[in-house]
């Protein structure tokens, strides 16, 4: 059986993403709906590799016990504000920061440098700011792209559910085209305005690394010159680094 240093687990509201990693590199990731994230599924994933340590972050406390049962005696490192990190936390109530946001701050600091802004396109879209002195100083939370479009579908009589992709035009010729233009172009406007305000408040005369990650990062960020790079597995990279910082080796 092949070995891996870590199993990395990112439990988010909609999906849970997992990947095996060495000390230096994150392997291919897979994801499954968080509602299906049960101890038996975890045991099946772990059976594929010889791995001693699981590194996890979670924003769904109701699922944490499933992971603890599924690791079956292996070392489990939960990422929290009390973990050993490469960033300081300058935040009034550190325990209220989503662990995935801390993972992103850890990863962007190590991989790209500071100051930095991470935009994570998940169920919510979050903006997390790391100062030039490598301190997590806060962020912004806004509704996620899919959450917004699903809300329209669920709370209106005539608007359909849509699949998100690049619109062909701003002026829609059908209801679906109009919704798609409003979603994608409007969402880029939301991201651009929030970035502008963060820069005005924190980084008026400094270069800042802007990194996007999460499910809709490629769709939204590819047309935003304000975003320097899209890194699909940034959160998992942060968990790998947290594993290195908090393991016994």
C-alpha atoms as a PDB file:
ATOM      1  CA  UNK A   1       0.000   0.000   0.000  1.00  0.00           C
ATOM      2  CA  UNK A   2       1.264   3.476  -0.900  1.00  0.00           C
ATOM      3  CA  UNK A   3       1.976   5.889   1.940  1.00  0.00           C
ATOM      4  CA  UNK A   4       1.157   9.555   2.410  1.00  0.00           C
ATOM      5  CA  UNK A   5       2.215  11.974   5.108  1.00  0.00           C
ATOM      6  CA  UNK A   6      -1.239  13.531   5.566  1.00  0.00           C
ATOM      7  CA  UNK A   7      -4.867  13.207   4.655  1.00  0.00           C
ATOM      8  CA  UNK A   8      -6.163  16.776   4.300  1.00  0.00           C
ATOM      9  CA  UNK A   9      -9.869  17.422   4.945  1.00  0.00           C
ATOM     10  CA  UNK A  10     -11.708  20.698   4.310  1.00  0.00           C
ATOM     11  CA  UNK A  11     -15.297  20.428   5.572  1.00  0.00           C
ATOM     12  CA  UNK A  12     -17.338  23.254   4.034  1.00  0.00           C
ATOM     13  CA  UNK A  13     -21.057  23.966   4.071  1.00  0.00           C
ATOM     14  CA  UNK A  14     -21.843  22.470   0.660  1.00  0.00           C
ATOM     15  CA  UNK A  15     -18.936  20.155  -0.111  1.00  0.00           C
ATOM     16  CA  UNK A  16     -16.084  18.447   1.704  1.00  0.00           C
ATOM     17  CA  UNK A  17     -12.770  18.369  -0.165  1.00  0.00           C
ATOM     18  CA  UNK A  18     -10.075  15.793   0.628  1.00  0.00           C
ATOM     19  CA  UNK A  19      -6.585  15.049  -0.654  1.00  0.00           C
ATOM     20  CA  UNK A  20      -3.563  13.027   0.369  1.00  0.00           C
ATOM     21  CA  UNK A  21      -0.290  14.918   0.566  1.00  0.00           C
ATOM     22  CA  UNK A  22       3.388  14.481   1.130  1.00  0.00           C
ATOM     23  CA  UNK A  23       5.262  16.988   3.246  1.00  0.00           C
ATOM     24  CA  UNK A  24       6.014  18.981   0.081  1.00  0.00           C
ATOM     25  CA  UNK A  25       3.022  18.598  -2.228  1.00  0.00           C
ATOM     26  CA  UNK A  26      -0.759  18.177  -2.223  1.00  0.00           C
ATOM     27  CA  UNK A  27      -2.021  15.337  -4.397  1.00  0.00           C
ATOM     28  CA  UNK A  28      -5.209  15.264  -6.509  1.00  0.00           C
ATOM     29  CA  UNK A  29      -8.304  16.301  -4.590  1.00  0.00           C
ATOM     30  CA  UNK A  30     -11.799  14.897  -4.542  1.00  0.00           C
ATOM     31  CA  UNK A  31     -14.994  16.293  -3.096  1.00  0.00           C
ATOM     32  CA  UNK A  32     -18.351  14.985  -1.945  1.00  0.00           C
ATOM     33  CA  UNK A  33     -21.462  16.638  -0.526  1.00  0.00           C
ATOM     34  CA  UNK A  34     -20.901  17.439   3.134  1.00  0.00           C
ATOM     35  CA  UNK A  35     -24.274  15.922   4.014  1.00  0.00           C
ATOM     36  CA  UNK A  36     -22.858  12.547   2.886  1.00  0.00           C
ATOM     37  CA  UNK A  37     -19.666  12.942   4.919  1.00  0.00           C
ATOM     38  CA  UNK A  38     -19.950   9.977   7.279  1.00  0.00           C
ATOM     39  CA  UNK A  39     -17.465   7.895   9.265  1.00  0.00           C
ATOM     40  CA  UNK A  40     -17.780   4.975   6.829  1.00  0.00           C
ATOM     41  CA  UNK A  41     -16.845   7.226   3.902  1.00  0.00           C
ATOM     42  CA  UNK A  42     -13.808   8.502   5.796  1.00  0.00           C
ATOM     43  CA  UNK A  43     -12.736   4.956   6.611  1.00  0.00           C
ATOM     44  CA  UNK A  44     -13.021   4.011   2.922  1.00  0.00           C
ATOM     45  CA  UNK A  45     -10.833   6.952   1.873  1.00  0.00           C
ATOM     46  CA  UNK A  46      -8.208   6.158   4.515  1.00  0.00           C
ATOM     47  CA  UNK A  47      -8.101   2.502   3.432  1.00  0.00           C
ATOM     48  CA  UNK A  48      -6.517   3.589   0.135  1.00  0.00           C
ATOM     49  CA  UNK A  49      -3.287   4.835   1.717  1.00  0.00           C
ATOM     50  CA  UNK A  50      -1.041   4.224   4.693  1.00  0.00           C
ATOM     51  CA  UNK A  51      -1.362   7.561   6.467  1.00  0.00           C
ATOM     52  CA  UNK A  52      -0.803   8.351  10.141  1.00  0.00           C
ATOM     53  CA  UNK A  53      -2.031  11.953  10.388  1.00  0.00           C
ATOM     54  CA  UNK A  54      -5.250  13.670   9.323  1.00  0.00           C
ATOM     55  CA  UNK A  55      -5.253  17.488   9.162  1.00  0.00           C
ATOM     56  CA  UNK A  56      -8.703  19.067   9.080  1.00  0.00           C
ATOM     57  CA  UNK A  57     -10.599  22.319   9.086  1.00  0.00           C
ATOM     58  CA  UNK A  58     -14.359  22.501   9.446  1.00  0.00           C
ATOM     59  CA  UNK A  59     -17.087  25.108   9.384  1.00  0.00           C
ATOM     60  CA  UNK A  60     -19.811  22.490   9.962  1.00  0.00           C
ATOM     61  CA  UNK A  61     -19.586  21.486  13.649  1.00  0.00           C
ATOM     62  CA  UNK A  62     -22.342  18.867  13.284  1.00  0.00           C
ATOM     63  CA  UNK A  63     -20.048  16.828  11.017  1.00  0.00           C
ATOM     64  CA  UNK A  64     -16.942  16.952  13.218  1.00  0.00           C
ATOM     65  CA  UNK A  65     -17.850  13.853  15.217  1.00  0.00           C
ATOM     66  CA  UNK A  66     -18.095  11.824  11.994  1.00  0.00           C
ATOM     67  CA  UNK A  67     -14.496  12.692  11.151  1.00  0.00           C
ATOM     68  CA  UNK A  68     -13.317  11.889  14.661  1.00  0.00           C
ATOM     69  CA  UNK A  69     -14.962   8.448  14.438  1.00  0.00           C
ATOM     70  CA  UNK A  70     -13.643   7.818  10.934  1.00  0.00           C
ATOM     71  CA  UNK A  71      -9.951   8.483  11.635  1.00  0.00           C
ATOM     72  CA  UNK A  72      -9.926   5.338  13.808  1.00  0.00           C
ATOM     73  CA  UNK A  73      -7.019   6.101  16.128  1.00  0.00           C
ATOM     74  CA  UNK A  74      -4.877   8.075  13.702  1.00  0.00           C
ATOM     75  CA  UNK A  75      -3.434  11.398  14.780  1.00  0.00           C
ATOM     76  CA  UNK A  76      -6.011  14.132  14.076  1.00  0.00           C
ATOM     77  CA  UNK A  77      -4.919  17.770  13.883  1.00  0.00           C
ATOM     78  CA  UNK A  78      -7.792  20.264  13.928  1.00  0.00           C
ATOM     79  CA  UNK A  79      -6.882  23.699  12.619  1.00  0.00           C
ATOM     80  CA  UNK A  80      -8.030  26.367  15.096  1.00  0.00           C
ATOM     81  CA  UNK A  81      -6.920  29.836  16.134  1.00  0.00           C
ATOM     82  CA  UNK A  82      -4.805  28.137  18.829  1.00  0.00           C
ATOM     83  CA  UNK A  83      -2.793  26.073  16.319  1.00  0.00           C
ATOM     84  CA  UNK A  84       0.836  26.870  15.588  1.00  0.00           C
ATOM     85  CA  UNK A  85       0.686  29.101  12.480  1.00  0.00           C
ATOM     86  CA  UNK A  86       2.945  31.279  10.351  1.00  0.00           C
ATOM     87  CA  UNK A  87       0.609  34.258  10.844  1.00  0.00           C
ATOM     88  CA  UNK A  88      -0.310  36.193  13.964  1.00  0.00           C
ATOM     89  CA  UNK A  89      -3.987  36.794  14.625  1.00  0.00           C
ATOM     90  CA  UNK A  90      -4.999  40.391  15.244  1.00  0.00           C
ATOM     91  CA  UNK A  91      -8.726  39.866  15.700  1.00  0.00           C
ATOM     92  CA  UNK A  92     -10.905  40.514  18.762  1.00  0.00           C
ATOM     93  CA  UNK A  93     -12.401  36.997  18.988  1.00  0.00           C
ATOM     94  CA  UNK A  94      -9.995  34.614  17.204  1.00  0.00           C
ATOM     95  CA  UNK A  95     -12.169  31.573  17.950  1.00  0.00           C
ATOM     96  CA  UNK A  96     -14.890  32.969  15.665  1.00  0.00           C
ATOM     97  CA  UNK A  97     -12.686  32.950  12.548  1.00  0.00           C
ATOM     98  CA  UNK A  98     -13.598  30.152  10.143  1.00  0.00           C
ATOM     99  CA  UNK A  99     -10.816  27.558  10.147  1.00  0.00           C
ATOM    100  CA  UNK A 100     -10.785  27.474   6.343  1.00  0.00           C
ATOM    101  CA  UNK A 101     -10.051  31.197   6.362  1.00  0.00           C
ATOM    102  CA  UNK A 102      -7.049  30.626   8.609  1.00  0.00           C
ATOM    103  CA  UNK A 103      -5.854  27.870   6.255  1.00  0.00           C
ATOM    104  CA  UNK A 104      -6.046  30.326   3.358  1.00  0.00           C
ATOM    105  CA  UNK A 105      -4.078  32.927   5.316  1.00  0.00           C
ATOM    106  CA  UNK A 106      -1.388  30.373   6.148  1.00  0.00           C
ATOM    107  CA  UNK A 107      -1.121  29.273   2.527  1.00  0.00           C
ATOM    108  CA  UNK A 108      -1.041  32.705   0.913  1.00  0.00           C
ATOM    109  CA  UNK A 109       1.649  33.892   3.348  1.00  0.00           C
ATOM    110  CA  UNK A 110       3.904  30.929   2.601  1.00  0.00           C
ATOM    111  CA  UNK A 111       3.288  30.618  -1.151  1.00  0.00           C
ATOM    112  CA  UNK A 112       2.910  34.250  -2.271  1.00  0.00           C
ATOM    113  CA  UNK A 113       4.017  36.560   0.539  1.00  0.00           C
ATOM    114  CA  UNK A 114       2.427  39.511   2.293  1.00  0.00           C
ATOM    115  CA  UNK A 115       0.474  41.732   2.313  1.00  0.00           C
ATOM    116  CA  UNK A 116      -2.225  39.593   0.744  1.00  0.00           C
ATOM    117  CA  UNK A 117      -5.944  39.246   0.117  1.00  0.00           C
ATOM    118  CA  UNK A 118      -7.520  35.821  -0.390  1.00  0.00           C
ATOM    119  CA  UNK A 119     -10.918  35.599  -2.092  1.00  0.00           C
ATOM    120  CA  UNK A 120     -12.581  32.228  -1.496  1.00  0.00           C
ATOM    121  CA  UNK A 121     -15.593  31.546  -3.734  1.00  0.00           C
ATOM    122  CA  UNK A 122     -17.625  29.037  -1.724  1.00  0.00           C
ATOM    123  CA  UNK A 123     -21.173  28.910  -0.344  1.00  0.00           C
ATOM    124  CA  UNK A 124     -20.260  32.401   0.847  1.00  0.00           C
ATOM    125  CA  UNK A 125     -17.522  34.447  -0.760  1.00  0.00           C
ATOM    126  CA  UNK A 126     -14.946  35.506   1.819  1.00  0.00           C
ATOM    127  CA  UNK A 127     -12.151  38.058   1.612  1.00  0.00           C
ATOM    128  CA  UNK A 128      -9.335  37.567   4.113  1.00  0.00           C
ATOM    129  CA  UNK A 129      -6.569  40.073   4.678  1.00  0.00           C
ATOM    130  CA  UNK A 130      -3.027  39.385   5.828  1.00  0.00           C
ATOM    131  CA  UNK A 131      -0.972  42.465   6.669  1.00  0.00           C
ATOM    132  CA  UNK A 132       2.568  43.164   5.529  1.00  0.00           C
ATOM    133  CA  UNK A 133       3.673  42.005   9.002  1.00  0.00           C
ATOM    134  CA  UNK A 134       2.031  38.583   8.420  1.00  0.00           C
ATOM    135  CA  UNK A 135      -0.950  39.170  10.706  1.00  0.00           C
ATOM    136  CA  UNK A 136      -4.489  38.044   9.979  1.00  0.00           C
ATOM    137  CA  UNK A 137      -6.438  41.270  10.476  1.00  0.00           C
ATOM    138  CA  UNK A 138      -9.985  40.445   9.345  1.00  0.00           C
ATOM    139  CA  UNK A 139     -12.059  40.237   6.222  1.00  0.00           C
ATOM    140  CA  UNK A 140     -15.374  40.447   4.418  1.00  0.00           C
ATOM    141  CA  UNK A 141     -18.191  37.899   4.011  1.00  0.00           C
ATOM    142  CA  UNK A 142     -20.762  38.163   1.213  1.00  0.00           C
ATOM    143  CA  UNK A 143     -23.307  35.725  -0.269  1.00  0.00           C
ATOM    144  CA  UNK A 144     -21.853  33.109  -2.598  1.00  0.00           C
ATOM    145  CA  UNK A 145     -22.657  33.133  -6.312  1.00  0.00           C
ATOM    146  CA  UNK A 146     -24.638  29.881  -6.282  1.00  0.00           C
ATOM    147  CA  UNK A 147     -26.437  30.972  -3.104  1.00  0.00           C
ATOM    148  CA  UNK A 148     -27.638  34.124  -4.843  1.00  0.00           C
ATOM    149  CA  UNK A 149     -28.905  32.403  -7.986  1.00  0.00           C
ATOM    150  CA  UNK A 150     -30.514  29.560  -6.039  1.00  0.00           C
ATOM    151  CA  UNK A 151     -32.313  32.107  -3.866  1.00  0.00           C
ATOM    152  CA  UNK A 152     -33.914  33.633  -6.975  1.00  0.00           C
ATOM    153  CA  UNK A 153     -35.015  30.203  -8.172  1.00  0.00           C
ATOM    154  CA  UNK A 154     -36.425  29.185  -4.789  1.00  0.00           C
ATOM    155  CA  UNK A 155     -38.220  32.451  -3.970  1.00  0.00           C
ATOM    156  CA  UNK A 156     -39.733  33.505  -7.295  1.00  0.00           C
ATOM    157  CA  UNK A 157     -42.507  31.862  -9.287  1.00  0.00           C
ATOM    158  CA  UNK A 158     -41.131  32.245 -12.805  1.00  0.00           C
ATOM    159  CA  UNK A 159     -37.322  32.364 -12.580  1.00  0.00           C
ATOM    160  CA  UNK A 160     -35.579  29.042 -13.394  1.00  0.00           C
ATOM    161  CA  UNK A 161     -32.544  27.368 -11.875  1.00  0.00           C
ATOM    162  CA  UNK A 162     -29.519  28.177 -14.052  1.00  0.00           C
ATOM    163  CA  UNK A 163     -26.119  26.598 -14.673  1.00  0.00           C
ATOM    164  CA  UNK A 164     -23.388  29.171 -14.167  1.00  0.00           C
ATOM    165  CA  UNK A 165     -21.062  29.903 -17.086  1.00  0.00           C
ATOM    166  CA  UNK A 166     -19.666  32.901 -18.976  1.00  0.00           C
ATOM    167  CA  UNK A 167     -22.526  34.977 -20.467  1.00  0.00           C
ATOM    168  CA  UNK A 168     -22.487  35.699 -24.200  1.00  0.00           C
ATOM    169  CA  UNK A 169     -23.848  39.221 -23.734  1.00  0.00           C
ATOM    170  CA  UNK A 170     -24.898  41.706 -21.070  1.00  0.00           C
ATOM    171  CA  UNK A 171     -28.415  42.171 -22.475  1.00  0.00           C
ATOM    172  CA  UNK A 172     -30.179  38.832 -22.214  1.00  0.00           C
ATOM    173  CA  UNK A 173     -32.638  37.709 -24.900  1.00  0.00           C
ATOM    174  CA  UNK A 174     -34.172  35.056 -22.640  1.00  0.00           C
ATOM    175  CA  UNK A 175     -34.875  34.837 -18.913  1.00  0.00           C
ATOM    176  CA  UNK A 176     -31.938  32.430 -18.466  1.00  0.00           C
ATOM    177  CA  UNK A 177     -29.573  34.747 -20.378  1.00  0.00           C
ATOM    178  CA  UNK A 178     -30.727  37.728 -18.324  1.00  0.00           C
ATOM    179  CA  UNK A 179     -30.192  35.848 -15.044  1.00  0.00           C
ATOM    180  CA  UNK A 180     -26.770  34.622 -16.166  1.00  0.00           C
ATOM    181  CA  UNK A 181     -25.638  38.137 -17.092  1.00  0.00           C
ATOM    182  CA  UNK A 182     -26.895  39.519 -13.803  1.00  0.00           C
ATOM    183  CA  UNK A 183     -25.186  36.762 -11.839  1.00  0.00           C
ATOM    184  CA  UNK A 184     -21.752  36.712 -13.463  1.00  0.00           C
ATOM    185  CA  UNK A 185     -21.299  40.369 -14.443  1.00  0.00           C
ATOM    186  CA  UNK A 186     -22.972  41.548 -11.258  1.00  0.00           C
ATOM    187  CA  UNK A 187     -20.826  39.272  -9.122  1.00  0.00           C
ATOM    188  CA  UNK A 188     -17.646  40.560 -10.730  1.00  0.00           C
ATOM    189  CA  UNK A 189     -18.825  44.042  -9.837  1.00  0.00           C
ATOM    190  CA  UNK A 190     -19.344  42.975  -6.216  1.00  0.00           C
ATOM    191  CA  UNK A 191     -15.845  41.490  -6.005  1.00  0.00           C
ATOM    192  CA  UNK A 192     -14.241  44.489  -7.716  1.00  0.00           C
ATOM    193  CA  UNK A 193     -15.926  46.995  -5.377  1.00  0.00           C
ATOM    194  CA  UNK A 194     -15.013  45.079  -2.217  1.00  0.00           C
ATOM    195  CA  UNK A 195     -11.401  44.823  -3.373  1.00  0.00           C
ATOM    196  CA  UNK A 196     -11.352  48.558  -4.095  1.00  0.00           C
ATOM    197  CA  UNK A 197     -12.578  49.359  -0.604  1.00  0.00           C
ATOM    198  CA  UNK A 198     -10.069  47.000   1.055  1.00  0.00           C
ATOM    199  CA  UNK A 199      -7.201  48.535  -0.916  1.00  0.00           C
ATOM    200  CA  UNK A 200      -8.369  52.061  -0.027  1.00  0.00           C
ATOM    201  CA  UNK A 201      -8.555  51.173   3.662  1.00  0.00           C
ATOM    202  CA  UNK A 202      -5.432  49.017   4.061  1.00  0.00           C
ATOM    203  CA  UNK A 203      -3.099  49.181   1.046  1.00  0.00           C
ATOM    204  CA  UNK A 204      -3.247  52.602  -0.573  1.00  0.00           C
ATOM    205  CA  UNK A 205       0.444  52.684  -1.491  1.00  0.00           C
ATOM    206  CA  UNK A 206       1.495  49.028  -1.380  1.00  0.00           C
ATOM    207  CA  UNK A 207       1.502  46.138  -3.777  1.00  0.00           C
ATOM    208  CA  UNK A 208      -0.760  43.415  -2.439  1.00  0.00           C
ATOM    209  CA  UNK A 209      -0.992  39.783  -3.547  1.00  0.00           C
ATOM    210  CA  UNK A 210      -4.583  38.939  -4.501  1.00  0.00           C
ATOM    211  CA  UNK A 211      -5.258  35.198  -4.746  1.00  0.00           C
ATOM    212  CA  UNK A 212      -8.591  33.570  -5.587  1.00  0.00           C
ATOM    213  CA  UNK A 213      -9.677  30.061  -4.700  1.00  0.00           C
ATOM    214  CA  UNK A 214     -12.884  28.034  -4.377  1.00  0.00           C
ATOM    215  CA  UNK A 215     -15.551  26.663  -6.680  1.00  0.00           C
ATOM    216  CA  UNK A 216     -16.269  29.690  -8.891  1.00  0.00           C
ATOM    217  CA  UNK A 217     -12.842  31.317  -8.747  1.00  0.00           C
ATOM    218  CA  UNK A 218     -11.940  30.472 -12.349  1.00  0.00           C
ATOM    219  CA  UNK A 219     -15.263  31.682 -13.752  1.00  0.00           C
ATOM    220  CA  UNK A 220     -15.337  35.011 -11.914  1.00  0.00           C
ATOM    221  CA  UNK A 221     -11.664  35.880 -11.434  1.00  0.00           C
ATOM    222  CA  UNK A 222     -10.438  35.226 -14.978  1.00  0.00           C
ATOM    223  CA  UNK A 223     -11.982  38.524 -16.115  1.00  0.00           C
ATOM    224  CA  UNK A 224     -10.810  40.496 -13.091  1.00  0.00           C
ATOM    225  CA  UNK A 225      -7.342  42.032 -13.596  1.00  0.00           C
ATOM    226  CA  UNK A 226      -7.376  42.910  -9.891  1.00  0.00           C
ATOM    227  CA  UNK A 227      -6.860  39.193  -9.120  1.00  0.00           C
ATOM    228  CA  UNK A 228      -3.266  38.089  -9.538  1.00  0.00           C
ATOM    229  CA  UNK A 229      -3.675  34.310  -9.511  1.00  0.00           C
ATOM    230  CA  UNK A 230      -6.251  31.544  -9.094  1.00  0.00           C
ATOM    231  CA  UNK A 231      -5.083  28.687  -6.843  1.00  0.00           C
ATOM    232  CA  UNK A 232      -7.707  25.945  -6.795  1.00  0.00           C
ATOM    233  CA  UNK A 233      -6.475  24.037  -3.736  1.00  0.00           C
ATOM    234  CA  UNK A 234      -5.232  26.946  -1.618  1.00  0.00           C
ATOM    235  CA  UNK A 235      -7.133  25.777   1.477  1.00  0.00           C
ATOM    236  CA  UNK A 236      -5.675  22.277   1.206  1.00  0.00           C
ATOM    237  CA  UNK A 237      -2.204  23.787   0.769  1.00  0.00           C
ATOM    238  CA  UNK A 238      -2.801  25.654   4.009  1.00  0.00           C
ATOM    239  CA  UNK A 239      -3.767  22.424   5.762  1.00  0.00           C
ATOM    240  CA  UNK A 240      -0.582  20.748   4.507  1.00  0.00           C
ATOM    241  CA  UNK A 241       1.447  23.591   6.001  1.00  0.00           C
ATOM    242  CA  UNK A 242      -0.494  23.429   9.264  1.00  0.00           C
ATOM    243  CA  UNK A 243       0.276  19.709   9.396  1.00  0.00           C
ATOM    244  CA  UNK A 244       3.976  20.452   9.058  1.00  0.00           C
ATOM    245  CA  UNK A 245       3.847  23.119  11.761  1.00  0.00           C
ATOM    246  CA  UNK A 246       1.851  21.034  14.252  1.00  0.00           C
ATOM    247  CA  UNK A 247       3.064  17.461  13.735  1.00  0.00           C
ATOM    248  CA  UNK A 248       5.661  15.767  15.936  1.00  0.00           C
ATOM    249  CA  UNK A 249       8.379  15.511  13.255  1.00  0.00           C
END
